[in-house]
């Protein structure tokens, strides 16, 4: 199961993919622009 989660994290690391997923599943329209996204920390200490 952990391997599957790592694969999804790698795919969602691309701004275009992340924006498409959220725009499609949450909003059903273009709300999030992939050009405005930036990478951040994904792990907490």
Protein backbone atom coordinates (compact mmCIF):
# COMPACT_ATOMS: atom_id res chain seq x y z
CA UNK A 1 0.00 0.00 0.00
CA UNK A 2 2.84 2.42 0.76
CA UNK A 3 4.22 2.02 -2.75
CA UNK A 4 0.88 3.05 -4.21
CA UNK A 5 0.83 6.21 -2.05
CA UNK A 6 4.34 7.19 -3.17
CA UNK A 7 3.31 6.86 -6.80
CA UNK A 8 0.33 9.14 -6.30
CA UNK A 9 2.48 11.71 -4.49
CA UNK A 10 4.90 11.76 -7.44
CA UNK A 11 2.06 12.31 -9.93
CA UNK A 12 0.50 15.08 -7.82
CA UNK A 13 3.89 16.78 -7.58
CA UNK A 14 3.28 18.19 -11.07
CA UNK A 15 1.31 21.44 -10.83
CA UNK A 16 -0.73 20.73 -13.97
CA UNK A 17 -1.87 17.32 -12.68
CA UNK A 18 -2.67 18.67 -9.22
CA UNK A 19 -4.72 21.55 -10.64
CA UNK A 20 -6.60 19.24 -13.02
CA UNK A 21 -7.50 16.83 -10.21
CA UNK A 22 -8.81 19.56 -7.91
CA UNK A 23 -10.59 21.51 -10.63
CA UNK A 24 -12.34 18.38 -11.89
CA UNK A 25 -13.21 16.63 -8.64
CA UNK A 26 -13.95 19.55 -6.32
CA UNK A 27 -15.10 22.46 -8.40
CA UNK A 28 -16.22 21.08 -11.81
CA UNK A 29 -14.70 24.22 -13.34
CA UNK A 30 -11.29 25.91 -13.62
CA UNK A 31 -10.69 27.58 -10.25
CA UNK A 32 -7.05 26.68 -9.58
CA UNK A 33 -4.51 27.85 -12.17
CA UNK A 34 -1.45 25.59 -12.45
CA UNK A 35 0.69 28.64 -13.27
CA UNK A 36 0.02 30.10 -9.80
CA UNK A 37 0.97 26.97 -7.83
CA UNK A 38 4.35 26.46 -6.22
CA UNK A 39 5.94 23.51 -4.44
CA UNK A 40 6.07 23.31 -0.69
CA UNK A 41 7.06 20.95 2.08
CA UNK A 42 5.25 17.61 1.96
CA UNK A 43 6.52 16.11 5.23
CA UNK A 44 6.27 17.25 8.81
CA UNK A 45 8.85 16.64 11.49
